[in-house]
N, C-alpha and C. Protein backbone atom coordinates (compact mmCIF):
# COMPACT_ATOMS: atom_id res chain seq x y z
N MET A 1 -115.73 -120.21 70.57
CA MET A 1 -115.20 -120.90 71.48
C MET A 1 -114.13 -120.17 72.49
N PRO A 2 -114.38 -120.05 73.67
CA PRO A 2 -113.45 -119.59 74.70
C PRO A 2 -112.00 -120.36 74.50
N VAL A 3 -110.96 -119.58 74.74
CA VAL A 3 -109.67 -119.86 74.90
C VAL A 3 -109.48 -120.31 76.04
N PRO A 4 -109.27 -121.64 76.79
CA PRO A 4 -108.82 -122.11 78.25
C PRO A 4 -107.95 -121.32 78.74
N VAL A 5 -107.88 -121.31 80.16
CA VAL A 5 -107.02 -120.41 80.75
C VAL A 5 -106.15 -121.75 81.25
N THR A 6 -104.86 -121.46 81.27
CA THR A 6 -103.90 -122.30 82.02
C THR A 6 -103.57 -122.06 83.14
N HIS A 7 -103.13 -121.04 83.50
CA HIS A 7 -102.96 -120.50 84.71
C HIS A 7 -103.06 -119.07 85.09
N VAL A 8 -102.74 -118.71 86.53
CA VAL A 8 -103.02 -117.33 87.14
C VAL A 8 -101.87 -116.70 87.92
N THR A 9 -101.18 -115.64 87.52
CA THR A 9 -99.92 -115.44 88.11
C THR A 9 -99.92 -113.88 89.27
N HIS A 10 -99.59 -113.80 90.28
CA HIS A 10 -99.53 -112.60 90.62
C HIS A 10 -98.92 -111.39 90.32
N VAL A 11 -99.45 -110.15 89.89
CA VAL A 11 -98.40 -108.98 89.63
C VAL A 11 -98.17 -108.09 90.84
N LYS A 12 -96.61 -108.18 90.52
CA LYS A 12 -95.88 -107.48 91.52
C LYS A 12 -96.52 -106.04 92.09
N ARG A 13 -97.64 -105.97 92.79
CA ARG A 13 -98.26 -104.84 93.00
C ARG A 13 -98.88 -104.97 94.56
N ASP A 14 -98.87 -104.25 95.70
CA ASP A 14 -99.46 -104.14 96.79
C ASP A 14 -101.23 -104.65 96.68
N ALA A 15 -101.70 -105.37 97.47
CA ALA A 15 -103.04 -106.19 97.63
C ALA A 15 -103.63 -104.88 98.35
N VAL A 16 -104.62 -104.71 97.98
CA VAL A 16 -105.49 -103.47 98.87
C VAL A 16 -106.63 -104.12 99.91
N TYR A 17 -107.19 -103.61 100.93
CA TYR A 17 -108.02 -103.86 101.76
C TYR A 17 -109.38 -102.96 101.66
N ASP A 18 -110.49 -103.04 101.36
CA ASP A 18 -111.41 -102.07 101.05
C ASP A 18 -112.31 -102.50 102.50
N PRO A 19 -112.28 -101.67 103.37
CA PRO A 19 -113.03 -101.87 104.83
C PRO A 19 -114.70 -101.87 104.69
N ARG A 20 -114.58 -100.79 103.64
CA ARG A 20 -116.44 -100.76 103.50
C ARG A 20 -117.13 -102.01 102.53
N ALA A 21 -116.48 -102.41 101.88
CA ALA A 21 -116.73 -103.73 100.95
C ALA A 21 -116.68 -105.05 101.64
N HIS A 22 -115.56 -104.68 102.99
CA HIS A 22 -115.30 -106.20 103.47
C HIS A 22 -114.41 -106.94 102.28
N GLN A 23 -113.43 -106.72 101.48
CA GLN A 23 -112.89 -107.18 100.59
C GLN A 23 -111.51 -106.89 100.43
N ALA A 24 -110.78 -107.94 99.96
CA ALA A 24 -109.35 -107.61 99.93
C ALA A 24 -108.76 -107.63 98.10
N ALA A 25 -108.28 -107.06 97.63
CA ALA A 25 -108.32 -107.39 95.93
C ALA A 25 -106.49 -107.14 95.67
N MET A 26 -106.55 -108.48 94.67
CA MET A 26 -104.97 -108.34 94.11
C MET A 26 -104.64 -108.33 92.96
N ALA A 27 -104.09 -107.68 91.88
CA ALA A 27 -103.77 -107.65 90.59
C ALA A 27 -103.40 -109.11 90.29
N VAL A 28 -103.62 -109.47 89.06
CA VAL A 28 -103.48 -110.53 88.76
C VAL A 28 -103.32 -110.61 87.49
N THR A 29 -102.69 -111.70 86.60
CA THR A 29 -102.39 -111.98 84.89
C THR A 29 -102.86 -113.35 84.81
N VAL A 30 -104.04 -113.28 84.03
CA VAL A 30 -104.58 -114.51 83.71
C VAL A 30 -103.79 -114.98 81.90
N HIS A 31 -103.64 -115.99 81.91
CA HIS A 31 -102.66 -116.64 81.00
C HIS A 31 -103.28 -117.75 80.05
N TYR A 32 -103.61 -117.50 78.90
CA TYR A 32 -104.39 -118.59 78.14
C TYR A 32 -103.44 -119.47 77.34
N GLU A 33 -104.38 -120.75 76.98
CA GLU A 33 -103.78 -121.49 76.11
C GLU A 33 -103.15 -121.31 75.08
N ASN A 34 -103.09 -120.13 74.12
CA ASN A 34 -102.71 -119.58 73.24
C ASN A 34 -101.65 -118.64 73.27
N GLY A 35 -101.21 -118.20 74.48
CA GLY A 35 -100.23 -117.50 74.98
C GLY A 35 -100.66 -116.08 74.91
N GLY A 36 -101.93 -115.66 75.08
CA GLY A 36 -102.49 -114.51 75.37
C GLY A 36 -102.70 -113.97 77.21
N VAL A 37 -102.58 -113.08 77.44
CA VAL A 37 -102.57 -112.65 78.62
C VAL A 37 -103.42 -111.41 79.07
N CYS A 38 -104.28 -111.37 79.92
CA CYS A 38 -104.81 -110.14 80.35
C CYS A 38 -104.73 -110.14 82.04
N GLU A 39 -104.84 -108.77 82.41
CA GLU A 39 -104.70 -108.44 84.10
C GLU A 39 -106.02 -108.49 84.19
N SER A 40 -106.29 -108.89 85.83
CA SER A 40 -107.60 -109.01 86.43
C SER A 40 -107.24 -108.80 87.44
N MET A 41 -108.47 -108.81 88.57
CA MET A 41 -108.18 -108.92 90.03
C MET A 41 -108.94 -109.96 90.86
N LEU A 42 -107.91 -110.19 91.60
CA LEU A 42 -108.61 -111.39 92.34
C LEU A 42 -109.20 -110.46 93.57
N VAL A 43 -110.36 -110.95 93.81
CA VAL A 43 -111.04 -110.68 94.94
C VAL A 43 -111.56 -111.42 96.01
N LEU A 44 -111.23 -111.07 97.13
CA LEU A 44 -111.33 -112.19 98.32
C LEU A 44 -111.98 -111.79 99.28
N THR A 45 -112.63 -112.80 100.08
CA THR A 45 -113.20 -112.10 101.49
C THR A 45 -112.68 -112.33 102.81
N PRO A 46 -112.70 -111.63 103.63
CA PRO A 46 -112.02 -112.21 104.89
C PRO A 46 -111.70 -113.39 105.10
N ALA A 47 -112.45 -114.26 105.26
CA ALA A 47 -112.43 -115.68 105.31
C ALA A 47 -111.18 -116.10 104.32
N GLN A 48 -111.58 -115.68 103.11
CA GLN A 48 -110.68 -116.12 102.22
C GLN A 48 -109.17 -116.03 102.28
N VAL A 49 -109.03 -114.67 102.96
CA VAL A 49 -107.52 -113.90 102.99
C VAL A 49 -106.93 -114.79 104.13
N GLU A 50 -107.83 -115.50 105.20
CA GLU A 50 -107.27 -115.97 106.53
C GLU A 50 -106.83 -117.38 105.93
N LEU A 51 -107.70 -117.65 105.12
CA LEU A 51 -107.66 -119.44 104.41
C LEU A 51 -106.55 -119.61 103.47
N TYR A 52 -106.04 -118.43 102.72
CA TYR A 52 -104.70 -118.14 101.84
C TYR A 52 -103.68 -117.87 102.84
N HIS A 53 -103.73 -117.33 104.08
CA HIS A 53 -102.60 -116.57 104.97
C HIS A 53 -102.06 -117.89 105.41
N HIS A 54 -102.88 -118.77 105.82
CA HIS A 54 -102.53 -119.90 106.50
C HIS A 54 -101.85 -121.16 105.53
N GLN A 55 -102.70 -121.49 103.95
CA GLN A 55 -101.79 -122.10 103.17
C GLN A 55 -100.65 -121.48 102.86
N LEU A 56 -100.51 -120.51 102.63
CA LEU A 56 -99.47 -120.06 102.27
C LEU A 56 -98.27 -119.81 103.17
N SER A 57 -98.49 -119.72 104.62
CA SER A 57 -97.48 -119.82 105.51
C SER A 57 -96.88 -121.29 105.45
N ARG A 58 -97.81 -122.43 105.14
CA ARG A 58 -97.48 -123.73 105.29
C ARG A 58 -96.49 -123.73 104.08
N MET A 59 -96.74 -123.58 102.98
CA MET A 59 -95.68 -123.39 101.80
C MET A 59 -94.86 -122.64 102.30
N ILE A 60 -94.34 -121.75 102.44
CA ILE A 60 -93.33 -120.87 102.81
C ILE A 60 -92.64 -122.01 104.07
N GLN A 61 -93.03 -122.61 104.61
CA GLN A 61 -92.45 -123.34 105.70
C GLN A 61 -92.04 -124.59 105.23
N ALA A 62 -92.56 -125.40 104.16
CA ALA A 62 -92.50 -126.45 103.27
C ALA A 62 -91.05 -125.88 102.99
N ARG A 63 -90.94 -124.77 101.99
CA ARG A 63 -90.03 -124.54 101.43
C ARG A 63 -88.95 -124.21 101.99
N GLU A 64 -88.62 -123.60 103.23
CA GLU A 64 -87.60 -123.79 104.23
C GLU A 64 -87.04 -124.83 104.75
N SER A 65 -87.93 -125.79 104.99
CA SER A 65 -87.23 -126.79 105.48
C SER A 65 -86.41 -127.82 104.36
N ALA A 66 -87.29 -127.71 102.97
CA ALA A 66 -86.85 -128.29 102.03
C ALA A 66 -85.22 -127.69 102.30
N GLN A 67 -85.08 -126.07 101.90
CA GLN A 67 -83.81 -125.78 101.83
C GLN A 67 -82.93 -125.76 102.92
N ASP A 68 -83.08 -126.32 103.91
CA ASP A 68 -82.76 -126.38 105.14
C ASP A 68 -81.64 -127.84 104.99
N ARG A 69 -82.67 -128.50 104.66
CA ARG A 69 -82.11 -130.07 104.33
C ARG A 69 -81.43 -130.30 103.33
N ARG A 70 -81.25 -129.49 102.17
CA ARG A 70 -80.27 -129.45 101.48
C ARG A 70 -78.76 -128.66 101.67
N GLN A 71 -78.83 -128.17 102.86
CA GLN A 71 -77.57 -127.73 103.40
C GLN A 71 -76.97 -128.33 104.07
């Protein structure tokens, strides 16, 4: 029986875009319930990159707003 994945984290390396494949890729670490980990790649289409850009920008703005309220 496979061990369930608990979460995935970004590996601190530059993401790359392959113009021939029309894909972006970034290294990630997959974390398992039993404490094991493995490194893999998150492959994204251009549309997914745009969507994540928008979502991450909103999260950054929310974080900045929360920090401003604390000061």
